[in-house]
Structures are given as C-alpha cells and as structure tokens.
Amino acid sequence: MAAIIYKITPRAAWLAALAEGVFCGAPVDLADGFIHFSAADQVRETAAKHFAGLTDLLLVAVDAEALGPALKWEPSRGGALFPHLHGPLDPAAAIDAVELPLGPDGRHRFPEQIP
C-alpha cells in the first residue's frame, strides 16, 4: 500500500490551486522554501498546533511515492521526520480532499482512516 501524506489547507487556497493547476503552499511554506506535509500519525498534532480553532479547512491526501525525489523526509518537531515537498504540488496528484471540520470540543474531526 502506498504511503499517504497529508496537507491541511484552507479551502480557498486549494480551490485556487485546482483552478490554476498548481499549489505552491501557504505563506509558511513559501517562507520555509518547501510545502509542509504530515504523515498519518503526525497530522492530528499538526492540526492542533498550527490550525487550532480554524474552520473551512481541507485535508488533502497525496501518495508520497508519486511526488518523486522532490519529497524529502526531514527532521522537524523533536527530531521526528516530516515529509517536505521541495517544489510545487500538482493538485492532480491529490488522492482526496475532504473537509476538516471542528467538533463540539473545538478539535478537528478527522476521517476514520486517520489513526
């Protein structure tokens, strides 16, 4: 089975990427020089740390292997390896993009397949 990585992004940014045929990332991605992704076991913490309380977000799933050598697993939080895409993302590479709503407790509600 393919390794799936995830990007949390505002809906408007993803819709713009679909229209333009390219996703260059959020301001933090542009500042860092790569697009930040998370593995399935990292994405909940990413949401809590960087997207707390934010609404109108999408969770975009991408096949990591399809990104080729531009995808690098690099140390980040506490030395954990995170997937970073050094270059733009073709939105056609997305396997899925689903809503990431807030639950009554203020935390994001992830699809069941995310551990």
C-alpha atoms as a PDB file:
ATOM      1  CA  MET A   1       0.000   0.000   0.000  1.00  0.00           C
ATOM      2  CA  ALA A   2       1.211   3.482  -0.849  1.00  0.00           C
ATOM      3  CA  ALA A   3       2.371   5.845   1.866  1.00  0.00           C
ATOM      4  CA  ILE A   4      -0.198   8.618   2.132  1.00  0.00           C
ATOM      5  CA  ILE A   5       0.840  12.054   3.381  1.00  0.00           C
ATOM      6  CA  TYR A   6      -1.463  14.920   4.279  1.00  0.00           C
ATOM      7  CA  LYS A   7      -1.637  18.668   3.779  1.00  0.00           C
ATOM      8  CA  ILE A   8      -4.047  20.792   5.807  1.00  0.00           C
ATOM      9  CA  THR A   9      -5.004  23.874   3.856  1.00  0.00           C
ATOM     10  CA  PRO A  10      -7.717  26.494   3.746  1.00  0.00           C
ATOM     11  CA  ARG A  11     -10.453  25.515   1.290  1.00  0.00           C
ATOM     12  CA  ALA A  12      -9.975  28.745  -0.713  1.00  0.00           C
ATOM     13  CA  ALA A  13      -6.271  28.020  -1.250  1.00  0.00           C
ATOM     14  CA  TRP A  14      -6.998  24.503  -2.512  1.00  0.00           C
ATOM     15  CA  LEU A  15      -9.786  25.689  -4.814  1.00  0.00           C
ATOM     16  CA  ALA A  16      -7.410  28.311  -6.233  1.00  0.00           C
ATOM     17  CA  ALA A  17      -4.776  25.596  -6.772  1.00  0.00           C
ATOM     18  CA  LEU A  18      -7.298  23.459  -8.635  1.00  0.00           C
ATOM     19  CA  ALA A  19      -8.200  26.398 -10.865  1.00  0.00           C
ATOM     20  CA  GLU A  20      -4.553  27.347 -11.503  1.00  0.00           C
ATOM     21  CA  GLY A  21      -3.221  23.794 -11.788  1.00  0.00           C
ATOM     22  CA  VAL A  22      -0.528  24.338  -9.147  1.00  0.00           C
ATOM     23  CA  PHE A  23      -0.313  24.514  -5.347  1.00  0.00           C
ATOM     24  CA  CYS A  24       2.704  26.420  -4.068  1.00  0.00           C
ATOM     25  CA  GLY A  25       1.685  26.251  -0.416  1.00  0.00           C
ATOM     26  CA  ALA A  26       0.649  28.521   2.401  1.00  0.00           C
ATOM     27  CA  PRO A  27       2.664  31.574   3.480  1.00  0.00           C
ATOM     28  CA  VAL A  28       4.643  29.414   5.946  1.00  0.00           C
ATOM     29  CA  ASP A  29       5.514  27.004   3.124  1.00  0.00           C
ATOM     30  CA  LEU A  30       6.678  29.839   0.891  1.00  0.00           C
ATOM     31  CA  ALA A  31       8.767  31.298   3.730  1.00  0.00           C
ATOM     32  CA  ASP A  32      10.383  27.929   4.500  1.00  0.00           C
ATOM     33  CA  GLY A  33      11.005  27.058   0.843  1.00  0.00           C
ATOM     34  CA  PHE A  34       9.007  23.816   0.824  1.00  0.00           C
ATOM     35  CA  ILE A  35       5.468  22.552   1.297  1.00  0.00           C
ATOM     36  CA  HIS A  36       4.885  21.062   4.737  1.00  0.00           C
ATOM     37  CA  PHE A  37       3.087  17.714   4.849  1.00  0.00           C
ATOM     38  CA  SER A  38       2.384  15.317   7.714  1.00  0.00           C
ATOM     39  CA  ALA A  39       2.256  11.545   7.893  1.00  0.00           C
ATOM     40  CA  ALA A  40      -0.953   9.972   9.181  1.00  0.00           C
ATOM     41  CA  ASP A  41       0.476   9.634  12.686  1.00  0.00           C
ATOM     42  CA  GLN A  42       1.527  13.310  12.704  1.00  0.00           C
ATOM     43  CA  VAL A  43      -1.420  15.130  11.146  1.00  0.00           C
ATOM     44  CA  ARG A  44      -3.599  15.391  14.276  1.00  0.00           C
ATOM     45  CA  GLU A  45      -0.790  17.106  16.177  1.00  0.00           C
ATOM     46  CA  THR A  46      -0.164  19.381  13.195  1.00  0.00           C
ATOM     47  CA  ALA A  47      -3.825  20.401  13.204  1.00  0.00           C
ATOM     48  CA  ALA A  48      -3.807  21.069  16.939  1.00  0.00           C
ATOM     49  CA  LYS A  49      -0.542  23.025  16.845  1.00  0.00           C
ATOM     50  CA  HIS A  50      -0.910  25.074  13.667  1.00  0.00           C
ATOM     51  CA  PHE A  51      -4.642  25.141  12.853  1.00  0.00           C
ATOM     52  CA  ALA A  52      -6.337  25.243  16.276  1.00  0.00           C
ATOM     53  CA  GLY A  53      -9.799  26.761  16.085  1.00  0.00           C
ATOM     54  CA  LEU A  54      -9.619  27.377  12.331  1.00  0.00           C
ATOM     55  CA  THR A  55     -12.558  26.451  10.142  1.00  0.00           C
ATOM     56  CA  ASP A  56     -13.099  25.935   6.409  1.00  0.00           C
ATOM     57  CA  LEU A  57     -10.065  23.667   6.120  1.00  0.00           C
ATOM     58  CA  LEU A  58      -9.462  20.710   3.850  1.00  0.00           C
ATOM     59  CA  LEU A  59      -7.353  17.640   4.485  1.00  0.00           C
ATOM     60  CA  VAL A  60      -5.606  16.786   1.223  1.00  0.00           C
ATOM     61  CA  ALA A  61      -4.250  13.244   0.845  1.00  0.00           C
ATOM     62  CA  VAL A  62      -1.332  12.600  -1.521  1.00  0.00           C
ATOM     63  CA  ASP A  63       0.573   9.439  -2.473  1.00  0.00           C
ATOM     64  CA  ALA A  64       4.079  10.188  -1.199  1.00  0.00           C
ATOM     65  CA  GLU A  65       5.779   7.965  -3.778  1.00  0.00           C
ATOM     66  CA  ALA A  66       4.112   9.836  -6.639  1.00  0.00           C
ATOM     67  CA  LEU A  67       5.993  13.015  -5.656  1.00  0.00           C
ATOM     68  CA  GLY A  68       9.378  11.533  -6.520  1.00  0.00           C
ATOM     69  CA  PRO A  69      12.710  12.936  -5.316  1.00  0.00           C
ATOM     70  CA  ALA A  70      11.278  16.404  -4.588  1.00  0.00           C
ATOM     71  CA  LEU A  71       9.753  14.870  -1.439  1.00  0.00           C
ATOM     72  CA  LYS A  72      12.225  14.666   1.412  1.00  0.00           C
ATOM     73  CA  TRP A  73      11.677  13.375   4.939  1.00  0.00           C
ATOM     74  CA  GLU A  74      13.422  15.906   7.169  1.00  0.00           C
ATOM     75  CA  PRO A  75      13.744  16.456  10.935  1.00  0.00           C
ATOM     76  CA  SER A  76      11.213  18.782  12.495  1.00  0.00           C
ATOM     77  CA  ARG A  77       9.295  18.621  15.813  1.00  0.00           C
ATOM     78  CA  GLY A  78      11.513  16.920  18.353  1.00  0.00           C
ATOM     79  CA  GLY A  79      13.632  15.391  15.599  1.00  0.00           C
ATOM     80  CA  ALA A  80      10.735  13.486  14.019  1.00  0.00           C
ATOM     81  CA  LEU A  81      10.953  13.129  10.253  1.00  0.00           C
ATOM     82  CA  PHE A  82       8.267  15.051   8.368  1.00  0.00           C
ATOM     83  CA  PRO A  83       7.570  14.990   4.640  1.00  0.00           C
ATOM     84  CA  HIS A  84       8.512  18.218   2.868  1.00  0.00           C
ATOM     85  CA  LEU A  85       7.923  18.809  -0.826  1.00  0.00           C
ATOM     86  CA  HIS A  86      10.673  20.915  -2.342  1.00  0.00           C
ATOM     87  CA  GLY A  87       8.715  22.308  -5.263  1.00  0.00           C
ATOM     88  CA  PRO A  88       5.125  22.943  -6.234  1.00  0.00           C
ATOM     89  CA  LEU A  89       2.382  20.350  -5.929  1.00  0.00           C
ATOM     90  CA  ASP A  90       0.296  19.409  -8.941  1.00  0.00           C
ATOM     91  CA  PRO A  91      -3.236  19.262  -7.488  1.00  0.00           C
ATOM     92  CA  ALA A  92      -3.928  16.317  -9.791  1.00  0.00           C
ATOM     93  CA  ALA A  93      -1.576  14.310  -7.550  1.00  0.00           C
ATOM     94  CA  ALA A  94      -4.108  14.502  -4.713  1.00  0.00           C
ATOM     95  CA  ILE A  95      -5.898  11.257  -3.956  1.00  0.00           C
ATOM     96  CA  ASP A  96      -8.599  13.006  -1.980  1.00  0.00           C
ATOM     97  CA  ALA A  97      -9.500  16.312  -0.352  1.00  0.00           C
ATOM     98  CA  VAL A  98     -12.045  16.211   2.454  1.00  0.00           C
ATOM     99  CA  GLU A  99     -13.462  18.724   4.892  1.00  0.00           C
ATOM    100  CA  LEU A 100     -11.720  19.019   8.248  1.00  0.00           C
ATOM    101  CA  PRO A 101     -14.481  20.371  10.496  1.00  0.00           C
ATOM    102  CA  LEU A 102     -14.270  21.386  14.111  1.00  0.00           C
ATOM    103  CA  GLY A 103     -16.065  19.208  16.609  1.00  0.00           C
ATOM    104  CA  PRO A 104     -18.043  20.466  19.627  1.00  0.00           C
ATOM    105  CA  ASP A 105     -14.847  20.294  21.687  1.00  0.00           C
ATOM    106  CA  GLY A 106     -13.049  22.672  19.297  1.00  0.00           C
ATOM    107  CA  ARG A 107     -10.764  19.959  17.904  1.00  0.00           C
ATOM    108  CA  HIS A 108     -10.719  18.960  14.263  1.00  0.00           C
ATOM    109  CA  ARG A 109     -12.655  15.840  13.277  1.00  0.00           C
ATOM    110  CA  PHE A 110     -10.566  13.562  11.055  1.00  0.00           C
ATOM    111  CA  PRO A 111     -11.814  10.830   8.721  1.00  0.00           C
ATOM    112  CA  GLU A 112     -11.935   7.378  10.324  1.00  0.00           C
ATOM    113  CA  GLN A 113      -8.989   6.068   8.277  1.00  0.00           C
ATOM    114  CA  ILE A 114      -6.607   8.503  10.009  1.00  0.00           C
ATOM    115  CA  PRO A 115      -5.264   6.786  13.150  1.00  0.00           C
END
